[in-house]
Amino acid sequence: MDLHENLKGKTVVITGGKAVFYAVNLLYAYAKQGMNVAVLGRTLSKLEEVRDKINELGGNGLAVCDVVDKGQRYQCKESCKRYFRKS
């Protein structure tokens, strides 16, 4: 895959990052471009596996939130802003 410098450091947020096969492959493709990748879902332990792989591939991964809980969705947005702003 060609590296697209214009994507490096950009941020993408994906829900269902561990449960859907195509989403995982997309996340890994983003990671190889050096992007910030936030993975949202229901089970934090599964999301952390994906986050670790994102980091291994050269991305900047963040695993956050239970997307079913409205309060946590708001916190996810704020967590992403804070985390990627300092990265």
PDB file of N, CA and C in Angstrom:
ATOM      1  N   MET A   1       0.844  -1.174   0.000  1.00  0.00           N
ATOM      2  CA  MET A   1       0.000   0.000   0.000  1.00  0.00           C
ATOM      3  C   MET A   1       0.889   1.237   0.000  1.00  0.00           C
ATOM      4  N   ASP A   2       0.579   2.175  -0.855  1.00  0.00           N
ATOM      5  CA  ASP A   2       1.319   3.424  -0.902  1.00  0.00           C
ATOM      6  C   ASP A   2       1.002   4.258   0.326  1.00  0.00           C
ATOM      7  N   LEU A   3       2.028   4.956   0.809  1.00  0.00           N
ATOM      8  CA  LEU A   3       1.843   5.855   1.924  1.00  0.00           C
ATOM      9  C   LEU A   3       1.335   7.192   1.408  1.00  0.00           C
ATOM     10  N   HIS A   4       0.260   7.664   1.974  1.00  0.00           N
ATOM     11  CA  HIS A   4      -0.313   8.949   1.587  1.00  0.00           C
ATOM     12  C   HIS A   4      -0.004   9.945   2.692  1.00  0.00           C
ATOM     13  N   GLU A   5       1.018  10.764   2.488  1.00  0.00           N
ATOM     14  CA  GLU A   5       1.467  11.704   3.507  1.00  0.00           C
ATOM     15  C   GLU A   5       0.366  12.642   3.979  1.00  0.00           C
ATOM     16  N   ASN A   6      -0.592  12.935   3.121  1.00  0.00           N
ATOM     17  CA  ASN A   6      -1.662  13.850   3.517  1.00  0.00           C
ATOM     18  C   ASN A   6      -2.596  13.228   4.563  1.00  0.00           C
ATOM     19  N   LEU A   7      -2.502  11.914   4.798  1.00  0.00           N
ATOM     20  CA  LEU A   7      -3.322  11.260   5.820  1.00  0.00           C
ATOM     21  C   LEU A   7      -2.614  11.172   7.172  1.00  0.00           C
ATOM     22  N   LYS A   8      -1.301  11.255   7.170  1.00  0.00           N
ATOM     23  CA  LYS A   8      -0.535  11.111   8.402  1.00  0.00           C
ATOM     24  C   LYS A   8      -0.969  12.166   9.422  1.00  0.00           C
ATOM     25  N   GLY A   9      -1.306  11.705  10.632  1.00  0.00           N
ATOM     26  CA  GLY A   9      -1.713  12.598  11.698  1.00  0.00           C
ATOM     27  C   GLY A   9      -3.187  12.986  11.684  1.00  0.00           C
ATOM     28  N   LYS A  10      -3.900  12.612  10.635  1.00  0.00           N
ATOM     29  CA  LYS A  10      -5.348  12.863  10.592  1.00  0.00           C
ATOM     30  C   LYS A  10      -6.038  11.866  11.519  1.00  0.00           C
ATOM     31  N   THR A  11      -7.255  12.190  11.919  1.00  0.00           N
ATOM     32  CA  THR A  11      -7.979  11.353  12.875  1.00  0.00           C
ATOM     33  C   THR A  11      -9.225  10.746  12.246  1.00  0.00           C
ATOM     34  N   VAL A  12      -9.422   9.458  12.536  1.00  0.00           N
ATOM     35  CA  VAL A  12     -10.631   8.756  12.115  1.00  0.00           C
ATOM     36  C   VAL A  12     -11.204   8.047  13.343  1.00  0.00           C
ATOM     37  N   VAL A  13     -12.534   8.051  13.441  1.00  0.00           N
ATOM     38  CA  VAL A  13     -13.230   7.390  14.548  1.00  0.00           C
ATOM     39  C   VAL A  13     -14.165   6.353  13.948  1.00  0.00           C
ATOM     40  N   ILE A  14     -14.040   5.105  14.422  1.00  0.00           N
ATOM     41  CA  ILE A  14     -14.838   4.008  13.872  1.00  0.00           C
ATOM     42  C   ILE A  14     -15.551   3.290  15.011  1.00  0.00           C
ATOM     43  N   THR A  15     -16.846   3.036  14.835  1.00  0.00           N
ATOM     44  CA  THR A  15     -17.583   2.216  15.797  1.00  0.00           C
ATOM     45  C   THR A  15     -17.665   0.788  15.274  1.00  0.00           C
ATOM     46  N   GLY A  16     -17.764  -0.148  16.197  1.00  0.00           N
ATOM     47  CA  GLY A  16     -17.837  -1.551  15.798  1.00  0.00           C
ATOM     48  C   GLY A  16     -16.506  -2.059  15.293  1.00  0.00           C
ATOM     49  N   GLY A  17     -15.428  -1.471  15.794  1.00  0.00           N
ATOM     50  CA  GLY A  17     -14.096  -1.751  15.279  1.00  0.00           C
ATOM     51  C   GLY A  17     -13.599  -3.164  15.434  1.00  0.00           C
ATOM     52  N   LYS A  18     -14.104  -3.927  16.352  1.00  0.00           N
ATOM     53  CA  LYS A  18     -13.634  -5.295  16.515  1.00  0.00           C
ATOM     54  C   LYS A  18     -14.620  -6.297  15.931  1.00  0.00           C
ATOM     55  N   ALA A  19     -15.881  -5.937  15.879  1.00  0.00           N
ATOM     56  CA  ALA A  19     -16.913  -6.903  15.516  1.00  0.00           C
ATOM     57  C   ALA A  19     -17.041  -7.130  14.017  1.00  0.00           C
ATOM     58  N   VAL A  20     -16.653  -6.171  13.224  1.00  0.00           N
ATOM     59  CA  VAL A  20     -16.895  -6.245  11.788  1.00  0.00           C
ATOM     60  C   VAL A  20     -15.569  -6.421  11.052  1.00  0.00           C
ATOM     61  N   PHE A  21     -15.454  -7.492  10.288  1.00  0.00           N
ATOM     62  CA  PHE A  21     -14.206  -7.833   9.618  1.00  0.00           C
ATOM     63  C   PHE A  21     -13.680  -6.701   8.741  1.00  0.00           C
ATOM     64  N   TYR A  22     -14.534  -6.108   7.918  1.00  0.00           N
ATOM     65  CA  TYR A  22     -14.054  -5.062   7.022  1.00  0.00           C
ATOM     66  C   TYR A  22     -13.611  -3.838   7.806  1.00  0.00           C
ATOM     67  N   ALA A  23     -14.232  -3.582   8.956  1.00  0.00           N
ATOM     68  CA  ALA A  23     -13.847  -2.426   9.768  1.00  0.00           C
ATOM     69  C   ALA A  23     -12.433  -2.613  10.302  1.00  0.00           C
ATOM     70  N   VAL A  24     -12.104  -3.817  10.751  1.00  0.00           N
ATOM     71  CA  VAL A  24     -10.763  -4.080  11.278  1.00  0.00           C
ATOM     72  C   VAL A  24      -9.724  -3.870  10.181  1.00  0.00           C
ATOM     73  N   ASN A  25      -9.973  -4.384   9.003  1.00  0.00           N
ATOM     74  CA  ASN A  25      -9.018  -4.204   7.909  1.00  0.00           C
ATOM     75  C   ASN A  25      -8.875  -2.739   7.522  1.00  0.00           C
ATOM     76  N   LEU A  26      -9.956  -2.010   7.551  1.00  0.00           N
ATOM     77  CA  LEU A  26      -9.917  -0.578   7.267  1.00  0.00           C
ATOM     78  C   LEU A  26      -9.100   0.152   8.324  1.00  0.00           C
ATOM     79  N   LEU A  27      -9.309  -0.203   9.587  1.00  0.00           N
ATOM     80  CA  LEU A  27      -8.543   0.411  10.671  1.00  0.00           C
ATOM     81  C   LEU A  27      -7.052   0.166  10.493  1.00  0.00           C
ATOM     82  N   TYR A  28      -6.698  -1.045  10.110  1.00  0.00           N
ATOM     83  CA  TYR A  28      -5.284  -1.364   9.928  1.00  0.00           C
ATOM     84  C   TYR A  28      -4.698  -0.615   8.734  1.00  0.00           C
ATOM     85  N   ALA A  29      -5.483  -0.426   7.709  1.00  0.00           N
ATOM     86  CA  ALA A  29      -5.021   0.370   6.565  1.00  0.00           C
ATOM     87  C   ALA A  29      -4.785   1.819   6.984  1.00  0.00           C
ATOM     88  N   TYR A  30      -5.681   2.375   7.789  1.00  0.00           N
ATOM     89  CA  TYR A  30      -5.491   3.731   8.309  1.00  0.00           C
ATOM     90  C   TYR A  30      -4.224   3.803   9.155  1.00  0.00           C
ATOM     91  N   ALA A  31      -4.016   2.793   9.993  1.00  0.00           N
ATOM     92  CA  ALA A  31      -2.837   2.770  10.860  1.00  0.00           C
ATOM     93  C   ALA A  31      -1.553   2.801  10.037  1.00  0.00           C
ATOM     94  N   LYS A  32      -1.522   2.053   8.949  1.00  0.00           N
ATOM     95  CA  LYS A  32      -0.329   2.017   8.088  1.00  0.00           C
ATOM     96  C   LYS A  32      -0.054   3.368   7.442  1.00  0.00           C
ATOM     97  N   GLN A  33      -1.057   4.235   7.419  1.00  0.00           N
ATOM     98  CA  GLN A  33      -0.886   5.587   6.875  1.00  0.00           C
ATOM     99  C   GLN A  33      -0.432   6.561   7.962  1.00  0.00           C
ATOM    100  N   GLY A  34      -0.287   6.076   9.199  1.00  0.00           N
ATOM    101  CA  GLY A  34       0.144   6.922  10.299  1.00  0.00           C
ATOM    102  C   GLY A  34      -0.958   7.780  10.881  1.00  0.00           C
ATOM    103  N   MET A  35      -2.206   7.330  10.729  1.00  0.00           N
ATOM    104  CA  MET A  35      -3.345   8.104  11.205  1.00  0.00           C
ATOM    105  C   MET A  35      -3.628   7.853  12.684  1.00  0.00           C
ATOM    106  N   ASN A  36      -4.326   8.809  13.300  1.00  0.00           N
ATOM    107  CA  ASN A  36      -4.902   8.630  14.631  1.00  0.00           C
ATOM    108  C   ASN A  36      -6.193   7.840  14.434  1.00  0.00           C
ATOM    109  N   VAL A  37      -6.330   6.720  15.150  1.00  0.00           N
ATOM    110  CA  VAL A  37      -7.490   5.855  14.952  1.00  0.00           C
ATOM    111  C   VAL A  37      -8.156   5.578  16.297  1.00  0.00           C
ATOM    112  N   ALA A  38      -9.367   6.090  16.479  1.00  0.00           N
ATOM    113  CA  ALA A  38     -10.151   5.813  17.678  1.00  0.00           C
ATOM    114  C   ALA A  38     -11.135   4.700  17.358  1.00  0.00           C
ATOM    115  N   VAL A  39     -11.130   3.667  18.192  1.00  0.00           N
ATOM    116  CA  VAL A  39     -11.993   2.515  17.998  1.00  0.00           C
ATOM    117  C   VAL A  39     -13.032   2.508  19.110  1.00  0.00           C
ATOM    118  N   LEU A  40     -14.300   2.559  18.731  1.00  0.00           N
ATOM    119  CA  LEU A  40     -15.396   2.569  19.693  1.00  0.00           C
ATOM    120  C   LEU A  40     -16.187   1.279  19.556  1.00  0.00           C
ATOM    121  N   GLY A  41     -16.703   0.794  20.658  1.00  0.00           N
ATOM    122  CA  GLY A  41     -17.494  -0.428  20.620  1.00  0.00           C
ATOM    123  C   GLY A  41     -18.083  -0.720  21.975  1.00  0.00           C
ATOM    124  N   ARG A  42     -18.396  -1.963  22.217  1.00  0.00           N
ATOM    125  CA  ARG A  42     -19.044  -2.351  23.466  1.00  0.00           C
ATOM    126  C   ARG A  42     -18.085  -2.978  24.464  1.00  0.00           C
ATOM    127  N   THR A  43     -17.089  -3.716  23.980  1.00  0.00           N
ATOM    128  CA  THR A  43     -16.218  -4.485  24.875  1.00  0.00           C
ATOM    129  C   THR A  43     -14.805  -3.929  24.828  1.00  0.00           C
ATOM    130  N   LEU A  44     -14.415  -3.250  25.892  1.00  0.00           N
ATOM    131  CA  LEU A  44     -13.128  -2.565  25.915  1.00  0.00           C
ATOM    132  C   LEU A  44     -11.952  -3.507  25.673  1.00  0.00           C
ATOM    133  N   SER A  45     -11.995  -4.707  26.237  1.00  0.00           N
ATOM    134  CA  SER A  45     -10.870  -5.632  26.071  1.00  0.00           C
ATOM    135  C   SER A  45     -10.644  -5.983  24.599  1.00  0.00           C
ATOM    136  N   LYS A  46     -11.704  -6.140  23.843  1.00  0.00           N
ATOM    137  CA  LYS A  46     -11.577  -6.435  22.411  1.00  0.00           C
ATOM    138  C   LYS A  46     -11.040  -5.222  21.660  1.00  0.00           C
ATOM    139  N   LEU A  47     -11.510  -4.047  22.057  1.00  0.00           N
ATOM    140  CA  LEU A  47     -11.040  -2.822  21.406  1.00  0.00           C
ATOM    141  C   LEU A  47      -9.560  -2.587  21.685  1.00  0.00           C
ATOM    142  N   GLU A  48      -9.118  -2.950  22.871  1.00  0.00           N
ATOM    143  CA  GLU A  48      -7.708  -2.780  23.220  1.00  0.00           C
ATOM    144  C   GLU A  48      -6.809  -3.654  22.357  1.00  0.00           C
ATOM    145  N   GLU A  49      -7.276  -4.834  21.973  1.00  0.00           N
ATOM    146  CA  GLU A  49      -6.516  -5.694  21.057  1.00  0.00           C
ATOM    147  C   GLU A  49      -6.305  -4.987  19.718  1.00  0.00           C
ATOM    148  N   VAL A  50      -7.369  -4.398  19.216  1.00  0.00           N
ATOM    149  CA  VAL A  50      -7.296  -3.682  17.944  1.00  0.00           C
ATOM    150  C   VAL A  50      -6.386  -2.458  18.086  1.00  0.00           C
ATOM    151  N   ARG A  51      -6.538  -1.721  19.187  1.00  0.00           N
ATOM    152  CA  ARG A  51      -5.694  -0.549  19.435  1.00  0.00           C
ATOM    153  C   ARG A  51      -4.213  -0.929  19.426  1.00  0.00           C
ATOM    154  N   ASP A  52      -3.873  -2.039  20.080  1.00  0.00           N
ATOM    155  CA  ASP A  52      -2.475  -2.479  20.137  1.00  0.00           C
ATOM    156  C   ASP A  52      -1.932  -2.775  18.742  1.00  0.00           C
ATOM    157  N   LYS A  53      -2.738  -3.417  17.917  1.00  0.00           N
ATOM    158  CA  LYS A  53      -2.320  -3.723  16.544  1.00  0.00           C
ATOM    159  C   LYS A  53      -2.159  -2.436  15.729  1.00  0.00           C
ATOM    160  N   ILE A  54      -3.067  -1.479  15.932  1.00  0.00           N
ATOM    161  CA  ILE A  54      -2.967  -0.186  15.251  1.00  0.00           C
ATOM    162  C   ILE A  54      -1.627   0.462  15.586  1.00  0.00           C
ATOM    163  N   ASN A  55      -1.259   0.447  16.859  1.00  0.00           N
ATOM    164  CA  ASN A  55       0.008   1.035  17.278  1.00  0.00           C
ATOM    165  C   ASN A  55       1.199   0.293  16.677  1.00  0.00           C
ATOM    166  N   GLU A  56       1.119  -1.031  16.604  1.00  0.00           N
ATOM    167  CA  GLU A  56       2.191  -1.834  16.000  1.00  0.00           C
ATOM    168  C   GLU A  56       2.395  -1.479  14.530  1.00  0.00           C
ATOM    169  N   LEU A  57       1.313  -1.151  13.841  1.00  0.00           N
ATOM    170  CA  LEU A  57       1.372  -0.867  12.401  1.00  0.00           C
ATOM    171  C   LEU A  57       1.771   0.573  12.085  1.00  0.00           C
ATOM    172  N   GLY A  58       1.988   1.389  13.119  1.00  0.00           N
ATOM    173  CA  GLY A  58       2.443   2.750  12.878  1.00  0.00           C
ATOM    174  C   GLY A  58       1.399   3.827  13.074  1.00  0.00           C
ATOM    175  N   GLY A  59       0.202   3.414  13.475  1.00  0.00           N
ATOM    176  CA  GLY A  59      -0.834   4.397  13.765  1.00  0.00           C
ATOM    177  C   GLY A  59      -0.783   4.823  15.217  1.00  0.00           C
ATOM    178  N   ASN A  60      -1.696   5.660  15.593  1.00  0.00           N
ATOM    179  CA  ASN A  60      -1.829   6.120  16.970  1.00  0.00           C
ATOM    180  C   ASN A  60      -3.231   5.723  17.411  1.00  0.00           C
ATOM    181  N   GLY A  61      -3.332   4.590  18.116  1.00  0.00           N
ATOM    182  CA  GLY A  61      -4.641   4.029  18.437  1.00  0.00           C
ATOM    183  C   GLY A  61      -5.176   4.432  19.792  1.00  0.00           C
ATOM    184  N   LEU A  62      -6.486   4.485  19.882  1.00  0.00           N
ATOM    185  CA  LEU A  62      -7.190   4.768  21.121  1.00  0.00           C
ATOM    186  C   LEU A  62      -8.429   3.882  21.168  1.00  0.00           C
ATOM    187  N   ALA A  63      -8.595   3.156  22.271  1.00  0.00           N
ATOM    188  CA  ALA A  63      -9.777   2.309  22.463  1.00  0.00           C
ATOM    189  C   ALA A  63     -10.640   2.954  23.536  1.00  0.00           C
ATOM    190  N   VAL A  64     -11.869   3.278  23.181  1.00  0.00           N
ATOM    191  CA  VAL A  64     -12.739   3.971  24.128  1.00  0.00           C
ATOM    192  C   VAL A  64     -14.185   3.510  24.030  1.00  0.00           C
ATOM    193  N   CYS A  65     -14.892   3.546  25.120  1.00  0.00           N
ATOM    194  CA  CYS A  65     -16.332   3.670  25.267  1.00  0.00           C
ATOM    195  C   CYS A  65     -17.247   2.499  24.947  1.00  0.00           C
ATOM    196  N   ASP A  66     -18.346   2.529  25.664  1.00  0.00           N
ATOM    197  CA  ASP A  66     -19.485   1.669  25.373  1.00  0.00           C
ATOM    198  C   ASP A  66     -20.456   2.521  24.561  1.00  0.00           C
ATOM    199  N   VAL A  67     -20.569   2.246  23.282  1.00  0.00           N
ATOM    200  CA  VAL A  67     -21.358   3.100  22.393  1.00  0.00           C
ATOM    201  C   VAL A  67     -22.858   3.042  22.663  1.00  0.00           C
ATOM    202  N   VAL A  68     -23.289   2.080  23.465  1.00  0.00           N
ATOM    203  CA  VAL A  68     -24.708   1.976  23.779  1.00  0.00           C
ATOM    204  C   VAL A  68     -25.108   3.047  24.800  1.00  0.00           C
ATOM    205  N   ASP A  69     -24.185   3.441  25.661  1.00  0.00           N
ATOM    206  CA  ASP A  69     -24.448   4.405  26.722  1.00  0.00           C
ATOM    207  C   ASP A  69     -24.251   5.835  26.209  1.00  0.00           C
ATOM    208  N   LYS A  70     -25.320   6.616  26.196  1.00  0.00           N
ATOM    209  CA  LYS A  70     -25.285   7.977  25.652  1.00  0.00           C
ATOM    210  C   LYS A  70     -24.241   8.847  26.364  1.00  0.00           C
ATOM    211  N   GLY A  71     -24.168   8.749  27.664  1.00  0.00           N
ATOM    212  CA  GLY A  71     -23.187   9.528  28.421  1.00  0.00           C
ATOM    213  C   GLY A  71     -21.765   9.181  28.036  1.00  0.00           C
ATOM    214  N   GLN A  72     -21.510   7.907  27.836  1.00  0.00           N
ATOM    215  CA  GLN A  72     -20.171   7.490  27.443  1.00  0.00           C
ATOM    216  C   GLN A  72     -19.838   7.954  26.027  1.00  0.00           C
ATOM    217  N   ARG A  73     -20.836   8.021  25.149  1.00  0.00           N
ATOM    218  CA  ARG A  73     -20.573   8.512  23.787  1.00  0.00           C
ATOM    219  C   ARG A  73     -20.059   9.944  23.839  1.00  0.00           C
ATOM    220  N   TYR A  74     -20.659  10.776  24.673  1.00  0.00           N
ATOM    221  CA  TYR A  74     -20.182  12.153  24.819  1.00  0.00           C
ATOM    222  C   TYR A  74     -18.755  12.157  25.364  1.00  0.00           C
ATOM    223  N   GLN A  75     -18.493  11.316  26.368  1.00  0.00           N
ATOM    224  CA  GLN A  75     -17.153  11.236  26.939  1.00  0.00           C
ATOM    225  C   GLN A  75     -16.141  10.748  25.906  1.00  0.00           C
ATOM    226  N   CYS A  76     -16.569   9.867  25.018  1.00  0.00           N
ATOM    227  CA  CYS A  76     -15.683   9.379  23.951  1.00  0.00           C
ATOM    228  C   CYS A  76     -15.195  10.527  23.087  1.00  0.00           C
ATOM    229  N   LYS A  77     -16.119  11.375  22.713  1.00  0.00           N
ATOM    230  CA  LYS A  77     -15.770  12.526  21.875  1.00  0.00           C
ATOM    231  C   LYS A  77     -14.724  13.386  22.573  1.00  0.00           C
ATOM    232  N   GLU A  78     -14.947  13.665  23.831  1.00  0.00           N
ATOM    233  CA  GLU A  78     -14.010  14.499  24.583  1.00  0.00           C
ATOM    234  C   GLU A  78     -12.677  13.787  24.787  1.00  0.00           C
ATOM    235  N   SER A  79     -12.715  12.479  25.043  1.00  0.00           N
ATOM    236  CA  SER A  79     -11.482  11.708  25.206  1.00  0.00           C
ATOM    237  C   SER A  79     -10.645  11.723  23.934  1.00  0.00           C
ATOM    238  N   CYS A  80     -11.298  11.563  22.800  1.00  0.00           N
ATOM    239  CA  CYS A  80     -10.592  11.592  21.509  1.00  0.00           C
ATOM    240  C   CYS A  80      -9.938  12.946  21.284  1.00  0.00           C
ATOM    241  N   LYS A  81     -10.659  14.001  21.557  1.00  0.00           N
ATOM    242  CA  LYS A  81     -10.105  15.348  21.371  1.00  0.00           C
ATOM    243  C   LYS A  81      -8.859  15.539  22.229  1.00  0.00           C
ATOM    244  N   ARG A  82      -8.964  15.180  23.514  1.00  0.00           N
ATOM    245  CA  ARG A  82      -7.829  15.374  24.423  1.00  0.00           C
ATOM    246  C   ARG A  82      -6.642  14.483  24.034  1.00  0.00           C
ATOM    247  N   TYR A  83      -6.908  13.216  23.766  1.00  0.00           N
ATOM    248  CA  TYR A  83      -5.832  12.260  23.481  1.00  0.00           C
ATOM    249  C   TYR A  83      -5.073  12.622  22.209  1.00  0.00           C
ATOM    250  N   PHE A  84      -5.792  12.883  21.145  1.00  0.00           N
ATOM    251  CA  PHE A  84      -5.119  13.141  19.877  1.00  0.00           C
ATOM    252  C   PHE A  84      -4.536  14.552  19.802  1.00  0.00           C
ATOM    253  N   ARG A  85      -5.050  15.464  20.586  1.00  0.00           N
ATOM    254  CA  ARG A  85      -4.479  16.811  20.624  1.00  0.00           C
ATOM    255  C   ARG A  85      -3.084  16.770  21.218  1.00  0.00           C
ATOM    256  N   LYS A  86      -2.861  15.907  22.220  1.00  0.00           N
ATOM    257  CA  LYS A  86      -1.551  15.858  22.873  1.00  0.00           C
ATOM    258  C   LYS A  86      -0.587  14.898  22.181  1.00  0.00           C
ATOM    259  N   SER A  87      -1.084  14.089  21.278  1.00  0.00           N
ATOM    260  CA  SER A  87      -0.221  13.104  20.607  1.00  0.00           C
ATOM    261  C   SER A  87       0.631  13.754  19.537  1.00  0.00           C
TER     262      SER A  87
END
